Amino acid sequence: MFAMGKPDRNADNFCRWINYDWKAVEPEGQSKAGAWSREDAARLKALVDNAHQRGYWVRFYTLNGHRPMDIVLHGWTPSYNFGSAEAVTLRWKAAKAAGVDLVASDQYEECAKVLRGN
């Protein structure tokens, strides 16, 4: 149904949203992501704009920036971890700026504070 992040049809009553792995934005994935770049921001914006033009909401999973011990304490997945609060905060803000509709995170309280500007 989707090739390279581009839906091949418009949203309908059955399918209203697209669920992307963050690798669609940063191909190396969260745990190996480098510095956030203009190219990353442009890729994110293009994915969101393309989906919105077809009537889809856009969701990305899972954007975390936690300590290694949180993997043990909470059972969080290491591959979804950007490694620091600073790194994930940049991605949360970029997602908001690009118009992403839904963001999955194991750190919803922190994510909500960032997205609300607190």
PDB file of N, CA and C in Angstrom:
ATOM      1  N   MET A   1       0.810  -1.192   0.000  1.00  0.00           N
ATOM      2  CA  MET A   1       0.000   0.000   0.000  1.00  0.00           C
ATOM      3  C   MET A   1       0.856   1.259   0.000  1.00  0.00           C
ATOM      4  N   PHE A   2       2.051   1.220   0.628  1.00  0.00           N
ATOM      5  CA  PHE A   2       2.907   2.395   0.690  1.00  0.00           C
ATOM      6  C   PHE A   2       4.295   2.055   0.177  1.00  0.00           C
ATOM      7  N   ALA A   3       4.804   2.887  -0.682  1.00  0.00           N
ATOM      8  CA  ALA A   3       6.150   2.693  -1.205  1.00  0.00           C
ATOM      9  C   ALA A   3       6.982   3.919  -0.869  1.00  0.00           C
ATOM     10  N   MET A   4       8.119   3.688  -0.230  1.00  0.00           N
ATOM     11  CA  MET A   4       9.013   4.786   0.130  1.00  0.00           C
ATOM     12  C   MET A   4       8.270   5.890   0.876  1.00  0.00           C
ATOM     13  N   GLY A   5       7.315   5.492   1.718  1.00  0.00           N
ATOM     14  CA  GLY A   5       6.607   6.464   2.537  1.00  0.00           C
ATOM     15  C   GLY A   5       5.538   7.236   1.802  1.00  0.00           C
ATOM     16  N   LYS A   6       5.228   6.872   0.561  1.00  0.00           N
ATOM     17  CA  LYS A   6       4.220   7.607  -0.197  1.00  0.00           C
ATOM     18  C   LYS A   6       3.005   6.721  -0.408  1.00  0.00           C
ATOM     19  N   PRO A   7       1.868   7.112   0.171  1.00  0.00           N
ATOM     20  CA  PRO A   7       0.676   6.295  -0.016  1.00  0.00           C
ATOM     21  C   PRO A   7       0.259   6.264  -1.474  1.00  0.00           C
ATOM     22  N   ASP A   8      -0.215   5.102  -1.922  1.00  0.00           N
ATOM     23  CA  ASP A   8      -0.626   4.976  -3.311  1.00  0.00           C
ATOM     24  C   ASP A   8      -2.124   5.209  -3.485  1.00  0.00           C
ATOM     25  N   ARG A   9      -2.763   5.649  -2.442  1.00  0.00           N
ATOM     26  CA  ARG A   9      -4.182   5.987  -2.533  1.00  0.00           C
ATOM     27  C   ARG A   9      -4.495   7.041  -1.497  1.00  0.00           C
ATOM     28  N   ASN A  10      -5.678   7.625  -1.590  1.00  0.00           N
ATOM     29  CA  ASN A  10      -6.096   8.626  -0.623  1.00  0.00           C
ATOM     30  C   ASN A  10      -6.709   7.959   0.599  1.00  0.00           C
ATOM     31  N   ALA A  11      -6.779   8.711   1.682  1.00  0.00           N
ATOM     32  CA  ALA A  11      -7.397   8.206   2.897  1.00  0.00           C
ATOM     33  C   ALA A  11      -8.851   7.865   2.619  1.00  0.00           C
ATOM     34  N   ASP A  12      -9.338   6.867   3.337  1.00  0.00           N
ATOM     35  CA  ASP A  12     -10.746   6.501   3.224  1.00  0.00           C
ATOM     36  C   ASP A  12     -11.270   6.158   4.615  1.00  0.00           C
ATOM     37  N   ASN A  13     -12.489   5.679   4.722  1.00  0.00           N
ATOM     38  CA  ASN A  13     -13.058   5.368   6.026  1.00  0.00           C
ATOM     39  C   ASN A  13     -12.351   4.224   6.730  1.00  0.00           C
ATOM     40  N   PHE A  14     -11.638   3.404   5.988  1.00  0.00           N
ATOM     41  CA  PHE A  14     -10.905   2.287   6.577  1.00  0.00           C
ATOM     42  C   PHE A  14      -9.500   2.702   7.023  1.00  0.00           C
ATOM     43  N   CYS A  15      -8.853   3.490   6.238  1.00  0.00           N
ATOM     44  CA  CYS A  15      -7.453   3.860   6.483  1.00  0.00           C
ATOM     45  C   CYS A  15      -7.330   5.372   6.539  1.00  0.00           C
ATOM     46  N   ARG A  16      -7.061   5.914   7.728  1.00  0.00           N
ATOM     47  CA  ARG A  16      -6.994   7.362   7.926  1.00  0.00           C
ATOM     48  C   ARG A  16      -5.622   7.867   8.353  1.00  0.00           C
ATOM     49  N   TRP A  17      -4.715   6.974   8.697  1.00  0.00           N
ATOM     50  CA  TRP A  17      -3.419   7.438   9.174  1.00  0.00           C
ATOM     51  C   TRP A  17      -2.310   6.513   8.707  1.00  0.00           C
ATOM     52  N   ILE A  18      -1.116   7.076   8.695  1.00  0.00           N
ATOM     53  CA  ILE A  18       0.090   6.345   8.304  1.00  0.00           C
ATOM     54  C   ILE A  18       0.982   6.262   9.538  1.00  0.00           C
ATOM     55  N   ASN A  19       1.503   5.090   9.788  1.00  0.00           N
ATOM     56  CA  ASN A  19       2.367   4.843  10.924  1.00  0.00           C
ATOM     57  C   ASN A  19       3.786   4.605  10.419  1.00  0.00           C
ATOM     58  N   TYR A  20       4.669   5.566  10.614  1.00  0.00           N
ATOM     59  CA  TYR A  20       6.041   5.464  10.135  1.00  0.00           C
ATOM     60  C   TYR A  20       7.010   5.094  11.239  1.00  0.00           C
ATOM     61  N   ASP A  21       7.946   4.234  10.928  1.00  0.00           N
ATOM     62  CA  ASP A  21       9.138   4.052  11.737  1.00  0.00           C
ATOM     63  C   ASP A  21       9.997   5.298  11.517  1.00  0.00           C
ATOM     64  N   TRP A  22      10.709   5.744  12.541  1.00  0.00           N
ATOM     65  CA  TRP A  22      11.544   6.941  12.404  1.00  0.00           C
ATOM     66  C   TRP A  22      12.631   6.759  11.344  1.00  0.00           C
ATOM     67  N   LYS A  23      12.929   5.516  10.975  1.00  0.00           N
ATOM     68  CA  LYS A  23      13.932   5.269   9.936  1.00  0.00           C
ATOM     69  C   LYS A  23      13.527   5.880   8.593  1.00  0.00           C
ATOM     70  N   ALA A  24      12.269   6.204   8.409  1.00  0.00           N
ATOM     71  CA  ALA A  24      11.841   6.903   7.199  1.00  0.00           C
ATOM     72  C   ALA A  24      12.432   8.312   7.155  1.00  0.00           C
ATOM     73  N   VAL A  25      12.770   8.850   8.326  1.00  0.00           N
ATOM     74  CA  VAL A  25      13.360  10.189   8.425  1.00  0.00           C
ATOM     75  C   VAL A  25      14.879  10.103   8.534  1.00  0.00           C
ATOM     76  N   GLU A  26      15.346   9.305   9.455  1.00  0.00           N
ATOM     77  CA  GLU A  26      16.778   9.095   9.659  1.00  0.00           C
ATOM     78  C   GLU A  26      17.045   7.600   9.458  1.00  0.00           C
ATOM     79  N   PRO A  27      17.504   7.216   8.279  1.00  0.00           N
ATOM     80  CA  PRO A  27      17.628   5.793   7.924  1.00  0.00           C
ATOM     81  C   PRO A  27      18.448   4.952   8.900  1.00  0.00           C
ATOM     82  N   GLU A  28      19.352   5.566   9.625  1.00  0.00           N
ATOM     83  CA  GLU A  28      20.160   4.803  10.581  1.00  0.00           C
ATOM     84  C   GLU A  28      19.378   4.460  11.850  1.00  0.00           C
ATOM     85  N   GLY A  29      18.215   5.052  12.035  1.00  0.00           N
ATOM     86  CA  GLY A  29      17.378   4.764  13.200  1.00  0.00           C
ATOM     87  C   GLY A  29      17.783   5.563  14.421  1.00  0.00           C
ATOM     88  N   GLN A  30      16.940   5.490  15.426  1.00  0.00           N
ATOM     89  CA  GLN A  30      17.129   6.297  16.622  1.00  0.00           C
ATOM     90  C   GLN A  30      18.460   6.034  17.319  1.00  0.00           C
ATOM     91  N   SER A  31      18.791   4.790  17.530  1.00  0.00           N
ATOM     92  CA  SER A  31      19.968   4.474  18.350  1.00  0.00           C
ATOM     93  C   SER A  31      21.293   4.826  17.673  1.00  0.00           C
ATOM     94  N   LYS A  32      21.264   5.048  16.357  1.00  0.00           N
ATOM     95  CA  LYS A  32      22.491   5.394  15.636  1.00  0.00           C
ATOM     96  C   LYS A  32      22.393   6.739  14.919  1.00  0.00           C
ATOM     97  N   ALA A  33      21.370   7.496  15.260  1.00  0.00           N
ATOM     98  CA  ALA A  33      21.169   8.788  14.598  1.00  0.00           C
ATOM     99  C   ALA A  33      22.299   9.752  14.938  1.00  0.00           C
ATOM    100  N   GLY A  34      22.670  10.513  13.963  1.00  0.00           N
ATOM    101  CA  GLY A  34      23.682  11.545  14.177  1.00  0.00           C
ATOM    102  C   GLY A  34      23.018  12.851  14.559  1.00  0.00           C
ATOM    103  N   ALA A  35      23.716  13.928  14.300  1.00  0.00           N
ATOM    104  CA  ALA A  35      23.152  15.248  14.576  1.00  0.00           C
ATOM    105  C   ALA A  35      21.960  15.493  13.660  1.00  0.00           C
ATOM    106  N   TRP A  36      20.944  16.157  14.178  1.00  0.00           N
ATOM    107  CA  TRP A  36      19.781  16.521  13.393  1.00  0.00           C
ATOM    108  C   TRP A  36      20.223  17.517  12.321  1.00  0.00           C
ATOM    109  N   SER A  37      19.798  17.299  11.083  1.00  0.00           N
ATOM    110  CA  SER A  37      20.280  18.125   9.985  1.00  0.00           C
ATOM    111  C   SER A  37      19.123  18.741   9.199  1.00  0.00           C
ATOM    112  N   ARG A  38      19.465  19.684   8.342  1.00  0.00           N
ATOM    113  CA  ARG A  38      18.461  20.279   7.446  1.00  0.00           C
ATOM    114  C   ARG A  38      17.873  19.227   6.525  1.00  0.00           C
ATOM    115  N   GLU A  39      18.701  18.290   6.095  1.00  0.00           N
ATOM    116  CA  GLU A  39      18.220  17.211   5.221  1.00  0.00           C
ATOM    117  C   GLU A  39      17.198  16.337   5.938  1.00  0.00           C
ATOM    118  N   ASP A  40      17.455  16.057   7.219  1.00  0.00           N
ATOM    119  CA  ASP A  40      16.500  15.277   8.015  1.00  0.00           C
ATOM    120  C   ASP A  40      15.176  16.035   8.132  1.00  0.00           C
ATOM    121  N   ALA A  41      15.268  17.325   8.424  1.00  0.00           N
ATOM    122  CA  ALA A  41      14.062  18.146   8.560  1.00  0.00           C
ATOM    123  C   ALA A  41      13.283  18.187   7.250  1.00  0.00           C
ATOM    124  N   ALA A  42      13.984  18.303   6.131  1.00  0.00           N
ATOM    125  CA  ALA A  42      13.323  18.334   4.816  1.00  0.00           C
ATOM    126  C   ALA A  42      12.658  16.993   4.509  1.00  0.00           C
ATOM    127  N   ARG A  43      13.321  15.897   4.851  1.00  0.00           N
ATOM    128  CA  ARG A  43      12.745  14.570   4.631  1.00  0.00           C
ATOM    129  C   ARG A  43      11.473  14.388   5.466  1.00  0.00           C
ATOM    130  N   LEU A  44      11.532  14.801   6.719  1.00  0.00           N
ATOM    131  CA  LEU A  44      10.370  14.727   7.600  1.00  0.00           C
ATOM    132  C   LEU A  44       9.214  15.555   7.049  1.00  0.00           C
ATOM    133  N   LYS A  45       9.492  16.777   6.670  1.00  0.00           N
ATOM    134  CA  LYS A  45       8.450  17.666   6.145  1.00  0.00           C
ATOM    135  C   LYS A  45       7.839  17.099   4.871  1.00  0.00           C
ATOM    136  N   ALA A  46       8.652  16.534   3.999  1.00  0.00           N
ATOM    137  CA  ALA A  46       8.143  15.959   2.746  1.00  0.00           C
ATOM    138  C   ALA A  46       7.215  14.784   3.020  1.00  0.00           C
ATOM    139  N   LEU A  47       7.575  13.926   3.960  1.00  0.00           N
ATOM    140  CA  LEU A  47       6.719  12.788   4.320  1.00  0.00           C
ATOM    141  C   LEU A  47       5.373  13.264   4.851  1.00  0.00           C
ATOM    142  N   VAL A  48       5.420  14.243   5.739  1.00  0.00           N
ATOM    143  CA  VAL A  48       4.195  14.769   6.345  1.00  0.00           C
ATOM    144  C   VAL A  48       3.329  15.459   5.294  1.00  0.00           C
ATOM    145  N   ASP A  49       3.930  16.307   4.492  1.00  0.00           N
ATOM    146  CA  ASP A  49       3.167  17.019   3.463  1.00  0.00           C
ATOM    147  C   ASP A  49       2.523  16.058   2.475  1.00  0.00           C
ATOM    148  N   ASN A  50       3.264  15.044   2.060  1.00  0.00           N
ATOM    149  CA  ASN A  50       2.742  14.061   1.115  1.00  0.00           C
ATOM    150  C   ASN A  50       1.527  13.345   1.699  1.00  0.00           C
ATOM    151  N   ALA A  51       1.629  12.932   2.936  1.00  0.00           N
ATOM    152  CA  ALA A  51       0.516  12.234   3.588  1.00  0.00           C
ATOM    153  C   ALA A  51      -0.682  13.152   3.773  1.00  0.00           C
ATOM    154  N   HIS A  52      -0.433  14.377   4.233  1.00  0.00           N
ATOM    155  CA  HIS A  52      -1.536  15.313   4.460  1.00  0.00           C
ATOM    156  C   HIS A  52      -2.255  15.666   3.160  1.00  0.00           C
ATOM    157  N   GLN A  53      -1.515  15.770   2.069  1.00  0.00           N
ATOM    158  CA  GLN A  53      -2.148  16.051   0.778  1.00  0.00           C
ATOM    159  C   GLN A  53      -3.123  14.952   0.377  1.00  0.00           C
ATOM    160  N   ARG A  54      -2.914  13.761   0.860  1.00  0.00           N
ATOM    161  CA  ARG A  54      -3.787  12.624   0.546  1.00  0.00           C
ATOM    162  C   ARG A  54      -4.834  12.379   1.637  1.00  0.00           C
ATOM    163  N   GLY A  55      -4.862  13.240   2.644  1.00  0.00           N
ATOM    164  CA  GLY A  55      -5.866  13.149   3.682  1.00  0.00           C
ATOM    165  C   GLY A  55      -5.515  12.273   4.863  1.00  0.00           C
ATOM    166  N   TYR A  56      -4.251  11.847   4.979  1.00  0.00           N
ATOM    167  CA  TYR A  56      -3.827  10.991   6.079  1.00  0.00           C
ATOM    168  C   TYR A  56      -3.290  11.804   7.251  1.00  0.00           C
ATOM    169  N   TRP A  57      -3.516  11.288   8.456  1.00  0.00           N
ATOM    170  CA  TRP A  57      -2.775  11.738   9.620  1.00  0.00           C
ATOM    171  C   TRP A  57      -1.458  10.975   9.614  1.00  0.00           C
ATOM    172  N   VAL A  58      -0.449  11.538  10.272  1.00  0.00           N
ATOM    173  CA  VAL A  58       0.877  10.919  10.293  1.00  0.00           C
ATOM    174  C   VAL A  58       1.286  10.644  11.736  1.00  0.00           C
ATOM    175  N   ARG A  59       1.748   9.423  11.967  1.00  0.00           N
ATOM    176  CA  ARG A  59       2.260   9.012  13.279  1.00  0.00           C
ATOM    177  C   ARG A  59       3.666   8.448  13.098  1.00  0.00           C
ATOM    178  N   PHE A  60       4.556   8.822  14.008  1.00  0.00           N
ATOM    179  CA  PHE A  60       5.903   8.247  14.044  1.00  0.00           C
ATOM    180  C   PHE A  60       6.111   7.534  15.369  1.00  0.00           C
ATOM    181  N   TYR A  61       6.855   6.440  15.318  1.00  0.00           N
ATOM    182  CA  TYR A  61       7.164   5.695  16.540  1.00  0.00           C
ATOM    183  C   TYR A  61       8.639   5.414  16.587  1.00  0.00           C
ATOM    184  N   THR A  62       9.115   5.126  17.634  1.00  0.00           N
ATOM    185  CA  THR A  62       8.900   5.559  18.991  1.00  0.00           C
ATOM    186  C   THR A  62      10.081   6.454  19.315  1.00  0.00           C
ATOM    187  N   LEU A  63       9.830   7.670  19.732  1.00  0.00           N
ATOM    188  CA  LEU A  63      10.887   8.651  19.934  1.00  0.00           C
ATOM    189  C   LEU A  63      11.171   8.793  21.420  1.00  0.00           C
ATOM    190  N   ASN A  64      12.284   8.192  21.846  1.00  0.00           N
ATOM    191  CA  ASN A  64      12.724   8.220  23.238  1.00  0.00           C
ATOM    192  C   ASN A  64      14.113   8.829  23.335  1.00  0.00           C
ATOM    193  N   GLY A  65      14.418   9.354  24.504  1.00  0.00           N
ATOM    194  CA  GLY A  65      15.752   9.859  24.811  1.00  0.00           C
ATOM    195  C   GLY A  65      16.060   9.582  26.263  1.00  0.00           C
ATOM    196  N   HIS A  66      16.245   8.328  26.597  1.00  0.00           N
ATOM    197  CA  HIS A  66      16.368   7.919  27.989  1.00  0.00           C
ATOM    198  C   HIS A  66      17.750   7.360  28.311  1.00  0.00           C
ATOM    199  N   ARG A  67      17.959   7.171  29.601  1.00  0.00           N
ATOM    200  CA  ARG A  67      19.215   6.599  30.104  1.00  0.00           C
ATOM    201  C   ARG A  67      19.226   5.092  29.843  1.00  0.00           C
ATOM    202  N   PRO A  68      20.395   4.497  29.700  1.00  0.00           N
ATOM    203  CA  PRO A  68      20.463   3.048  29.490  1.00  0.00           C
ATOM    204  C   PRO A  68      19.766   2.253  30.595  1.00  0.00           C
ATOM    205  N   MET A  69      19.807   2.734  31.817  1.00  0.00           N
ATOM    206  CA  MET A  69      19.181   2.007  32.922  1.00  0.00           C
ATOM    207  C   MET A  69      17.654   1.934  32.753  1.00  0.00           C
ATOM    208  N   ASP A  70      17.054   2.898  32.047  1.00  0.00           N
ATOM    209  CA  ASP A  70      15.606   2.867  31.840  1.00  0.00           C
ATOM    210  C   ASP A  70      15.182   1.658  31.009  1.00  0.00           C
ATOM    211  N   ILE A  71      16.082   1.139  30.215  1.00  0.00           N
ATOM    212  CA  ILE A  71      15.796  -0.078  29.449  1.00  0.00           C
ATOM    213  C   ILE A  71      15.542  -1.232  30.412  1.00  0.00           C
ATOM    214  N   VAL A  72      16.357  -1.303  31.445  1.00  0.00           N
ATOM    215  CA  VAL A  72      16.227  -2.359  32.448  1.00  0.00           C
ATOM    216  C   VAL A  72      15.036  -2.083  33.364  1.00  0.00           C
ATOM    217  N   LEU A  73      14.926  -0.863  33.848  1.00  0.00           N
ATOM    218  CA  LEU A  73      13.884  -0.522  34.823  1.00  0.00           C
ATOM    219  C   LEU A  73      12.477  -0.578  34.239  1.00  0.00           C
ATOM    220  N   HIS A  74      12.331  -0.115  32.982  1.00  0.00           N
ATOM    221  CA  HIS A  74      11.004   0.022  32.392  1.00  0.00           C
ATOM    222  C   HIS A  74      10.738  -0.931  31.230  1.00  0.00           C
ATOM    223  N   GLY A  75      11.761  -1.624  30.776  1.00  0.00           N
ATOM    224  CA  GLY A  75      11.587  -2.534  29.655  1.00  0.00           C
ATOM    225  C   GLY A  75      11.486  -1.832  28.309  1.00  0.00           C
ATOM    226  N   TRP A  76      12.014  -0.626  28.219  1.00  0.00           N
ATOM    227  CA  TRP A  76      11.942   0.135  26.976  1.00  0.00           C
ATOM    228  C   TRP A  76      12.922  -0.433  25.964  1.00  0.00           C
ATOM    229  N   THR A  77      12.598  -0.292  24.707  1.00  0.00           N
ATOM    230  CA  THR A  77      13.381  -0.864  23.622  1.00  0.00           C
ATOM    231  C   THR A  77      14.612  -0.005  23.325  1.00  0.00           C
ATOM    232  N   PRO A  78      15.802  -0.583  23.353  1.00  0.00           N
ATOM    233  CA  PRO A  78      17.022   0.196  23.092  1.00  0.00           C
ATOM    234  C   PRO A  78      17.057   0.825  21.703  1.00  0.00           C
ATOM    235  N   SER A  79      16.502   0.164  20.718  1.00  0.00           N
ATOM    236  CA  SER A  79      16.593   0.691  19.347  1.00  0.00           C
ATOM    237  C   SER A  79      15.771   1.948  19.130  1.00  0.00           C
ATOM    238  N   TYR A  80      14.857   2.279  20.045  1.00  0.00           N
ATOM    239  CA  TYR A  80      14.050   3.499  19.913  1.00  0.00           C
ATOM    240  C   TYR A  80      14.660   4.684  20.655  1.00  0.00           C
ATOM    241  N   ASN A  81      15.842   4.525  21.186  1.00  0.00           N
ATOM    242  CA  ASN A  81      16.453   5.520  22.059  1.00  0.00           C
ATOM    243  C   ASN A  81      17.481   6.371  21.317  1.00  0.00           C
ATOM    244  N   PHE A  82      17.247   7.686  21.302  1.00  0.00           N
ATOM    245  CA  PHE A  82      18.226   8.620  20.735  1.00  0.00           C
ATOM    246  C   PHE A  82      19.409   8.841  21.671  1.00  0.00           C
ATOM    247  N   GLY A  83      19.298   8.400  22.916  1.00  0.00           N
ATOM    248  CA  GLY A  83      20.424   8.433  23.838  1.00  0.00           C
ATOM    249  C   GLY A  83      20.473   9.599  24.792  1.00  0.00           C
ATOM    250  N   SER A  84      19.682  10.639  24.554  1.00  0.00           N
ATOM    251  CA  SER A  84      19.687  11.777  25.471  1.00  0.00           C
ATOM    252  C   SER A  84      18.391  12.565  25.330  1.00  0.00           C
ATOM    253  N   ALA A  85      18.090  13.294  26.401  1.00  0.00           N
ATOM    254  CA  ALA A  85      16.910  14.164  26.370  1.00  0.00           C
ATOM    255  C   ALA A  85      17.074  15.250  25.306  1.00  0.00           C
ATOM    256  N   GLU A  86      18.278  15.746  25.136  1.00  0.00           N
ATOM    257  CA  GLU A  86      18.526  16.806  24.160  1.00  0.00           C
ATOM    258  C   GLU A  86      18.257  16.320  22.731  1.00  0.00           C
ATOM    259  N   ALA A  87      18.731  15.117  22.429  1.00  0.00           N
ATOM    260  CA  ALA A  87      18.560  14.583  21.072  1.00  0.00           C
ATOM    261  C   ALA A  87      17.101  14.317  20.750  1.00  0.00           C
ATOM    262  N   VAL A  88      16.363  13.737  21.694  1.00  0.00           N
ATOM    263  CA  VAL A  88      14.954  13.455  21.409  1.00  0.00           C
ATOM    264  C   VAL A  88      14.133  14.744  21.403  1.00  0.00           C
ATOM    265  N   THR A  89      14.498  15.713  22.230  1.00  0.00           N
ATOM    266  CA  THR A  89      13.776  16.985  22.241  1.00  0.00           C
ATOM    267  C   THR A  89      13.849  17.665  20.878  1.00  0.00           C
ATOM    268  N   LEU A  90      15.009  17.608  20.236  1.00  0.00           N
ATOM    269  CA  LEU A  90      15.131  18.157  18.877  1.00  0.00           C
ATOM    270  C   LEU A  90      14.150  17.483  17.921  1.00  0.00           C
ATOM    271  N   ARG A  91      14.012  16.164  18.022  1.00  0.00           N
ATOM    272  CA  ARG A  91      13.112  15.415  17.128  1.00  0.00           C
ATOM    273  C   ARG A  91      11.655  15.687  17.452  1.00  0.00           C
ATOM    274  N   TRP A  92      11.305  15.783  18.747  1.00  0.00           N
ATOM    275  CA  TRP A  92       9.932  16.112  19.114  1.00  0.00           C
ATOM    276  C   TRP A  92       9.545  17.477  18.562  1.00  0.00           C
ATOM    277  N   LYS A  93      10.439  18.449  18.712  1.00  0.00           N
ATOM    278  CA  LYS A  93      10.163  19.798  18.200  1.00  0.00           C
ATOM    279  C   LYS A  93      10.087  19.803  16.679  1.00  0.00           C
ATOM    280  N   ALA A  94      10.959  19.046  16.031  1.00  0.00           N
ATOM    281  CA  ALA A  94      10.934  18.964  14.566  1.00  0.00           C
ATOM    282  C   ALA A  94       9.637  18.321  14.083  1.00  0.00           C
ATOM    283  N   ALA A  95       9.179  17.290  14.779  1.00  0.00           N
ATOM    284  CA  ALA A  95       7.919  16.639  14.416  1.00  0.00           C
ATOM    285  C   ALA A  95       6.763  17.625  14.520  1.00  0.00           C
ATOM    286  N   LYS A  96       6.744  18.387  15.583  1.00  0.00           N
ATOM    287  CA  LYS A  96       5.684  19.391  15.742  1.00  0.00           C
ATOM    288  C   LYS A  96       5.760  20.431  14.629  1.00  0.00           C
ATOM    289  N   ALA A  97       6.956  20.933  14.356  1.00  0.00           N
ATOM    290  CA  ALA A  97       7.129  21.959  13.319  1.00  0.00           C
ATOM    291  C   ALA A  97       6.730  21.448  11.942  1.00  0.00           C
ATOM    292  N   ALA A  98       6.947  20.161  11.690  1.00  0.00           N
ATOM    293  CA  ALA A  98       6.615  19.584  10.383  1.00  0.00           C
ATOM    294  C   ALA A  98       5.131  19.253  10.246  1.00  0.00           C
ATOM    295  N   GLY A  99       4.402  19.285  11.369  1.00  0.00           N
ATOM    296  CA  GLY A  99       2.982  19.002  11.315  1.00  0.00           C
ATOM    297  C   GLY A  99       2.605  17.561  11.586  1.00  0.00           C
ATOM    298  N   VAL A 100       3.515  16.781  12.188  1.00  0.00           N
ATOM    299  CA  VAL A 100       3.202  15.395  12.542  1.00  0.00           C
ATOM    300  C   VAL A 100       1.999  15.402  13.479  1.00  0.00           C
ATOM    301  N   ASP A 101       1.068  14.504  13.247  1.00  0.00           N
ATOM    302  CA  ASP A 101      -0.165  14.466  14.025  1.00  0.00           C
ATOM    303  C   ASP A 101      -0.040  13.671  15.318  1.00  0.00           C
ATOM    304  N   LEU A 102       0.722  12.584  15.294  1.00  0.00           N
ATOM    305  CA  LEU A 102       0.838  11.694  16.451  1.00  0.00           C
ATOM    306  C   LEU A 102       2.283  11.231  16.600  1.00  0.00           C
ATOM    307  N   VAL A 103       2.778  11.247  17.835  1.00  0.00           N
ATOM    308  CA  VAL A 103       4.129  10.774  18.123  1.00  0.00           C
ATOM    309  C   VAL A 103       4.034   9.738  19.225  1.00  0.00           C
ATOM    310  N   ALA A 104       4.603   8.583  18.994  1.00  0.00           N
ATOM    311  CA  ALA A 104       4.691   7.564  20.040  1.00  0.00           C
ATOM    312  C   ALA A 104       5.991   7.759  20.797  1.00  0.00           C
ATOM    313  N   SER A 105       5.904   7.604  22.106  1.00  0.00           N
ATOM    314  CA  SER A 105       7.074   7.700  22.969  1.00  0.00           C
ATOM    315  C   SER A 105       6.773   6.950  24.249  1.00  0.00           C
ATOM    316  N   ASP A 106       7.802   6.439  24.877  1.00  0.00           N
ATOM    317  CA  ASP A 106       7.645   5.886  26.214  1.00  0.00           C
ATOM    318  C   ASP A 106       7.770   6.987  27.256  1.00  0.00           C
ATOM    319  N   GLN A 107       8.018   8.204  26.815  1.00  0.00           N
ATOM    320  CA  GLN A 107       8.235   9.343  27.697  1.00  0.00           C
ATOM    321  C   GLN A 107       7.176  10.416  27.431  1.00  0.00           C
ATOM    322  N   TYR A 108       5.907  10.028  27.524  1.00  0.00           N
ATOM    323  CA  TYR A 108       4.821  10.936  27.158  1.00  0.00           C
ATOM    324  C   TYR A 108       4.797  12.214  27.988  1.00  0.00           C
ATOM    325  N   GLU A 109       5.103  12.120  29.274  1.00  0.00           N
ATOM    326  CA  GLU A 109       5.070  13.323  30.106  1.00  0.00           C
ATOM    327  C   GLU A 109       6.101  14.342  29.622  1.00  0.00           C
ATOM    328  N   GLU A 110       7.315  13.875  29.371  1.00  0.00           N
ATOM    329  CA  GLU A 110       8.366  14.776  28.902  1.00  0.00           C
ATOM    330  C   GLU A 110       8.039  15.302  27.506  1.00  0.00           C
ATOM    331  N   CYS A 111       7.558  14.425  26.655  1.00  0.00           N
ATOM    332  CA  CYS A 111       7.192  14.816  25.291  1.00  0.00           C
ATOM    333  C   CYS A 111       6.103  15.883  25.319  1.00  0.00           C
ATOM    334  N   ALA A 112       5.085  15.691  26.133  1.00  0.00           N
ATOM    335  CA  ALA A 112       3.989  16.656  26.227  1.00  0.00           C
ATOM    336  C   ALA A 112       4.484  18.013  26.697  1.00  0.00           C
ATOM    337  N   LYS A 113       5.403  18.035  27.666  1.00  0.00           N
ATOM    338  CA  LYS A 113       5.952  19.300  28.147  1.00  0.00           C
ATOM    339  C   LYS A 113       6.663  20.035  27.029  1.00  0.00           C
ATOM    340  N   VAL A 114       7.451  19.314  26.258  1.00  0.00           N
ATOM    341  CA  VAL A 114       8.190  19.926  25.146  1.00  0.00           C
ATOM    342  C   VAL A 114       7.217  20.467  24.100  1.00  0.00           C
ATOM    343  N   LEU A 115       6.241  19.674  23.728  1.00  0.00           N
ATOM    344  CA  LEU A 115       5.321  20.081  22.676  1.00  0.00           C
ATOM    345  C   LEU A 115       4.412  21.224  23.102  1.00  0.00           C
ATOM    346  N   ARG A 116       4.155  21.326  24.403  1.00  0.00           N
ATOM    347  CA  ARG A 116       3.370  22.456  24.926  1.00  0.00           C
ATOM    348  C   ARG A 116       4.229  23.695  25.160  1.00  0.00           C
ATOM    349  N   GLY A 117       5.543  23.528  25.079  1.00  0.00           N
ATOM    350  CA  GLY A 117       6.448  24.658  25.285  1.00  0.00           C
ATOM    351  C   GLY A 117       6.778  24.910  26.739  1.00  0.00           C
ATOM    352  N   ASN A 118       6.585  23.912  27.604  1.00  0.00           N
ATOM    353  CA  ASN A 118       6.871  24.081  29.049  1.00  0.00           C
ATOM    354  C   ASN A 118       8.293  23.635  29.358  1.00  0.00           C
TER     355      ASN A 118
END
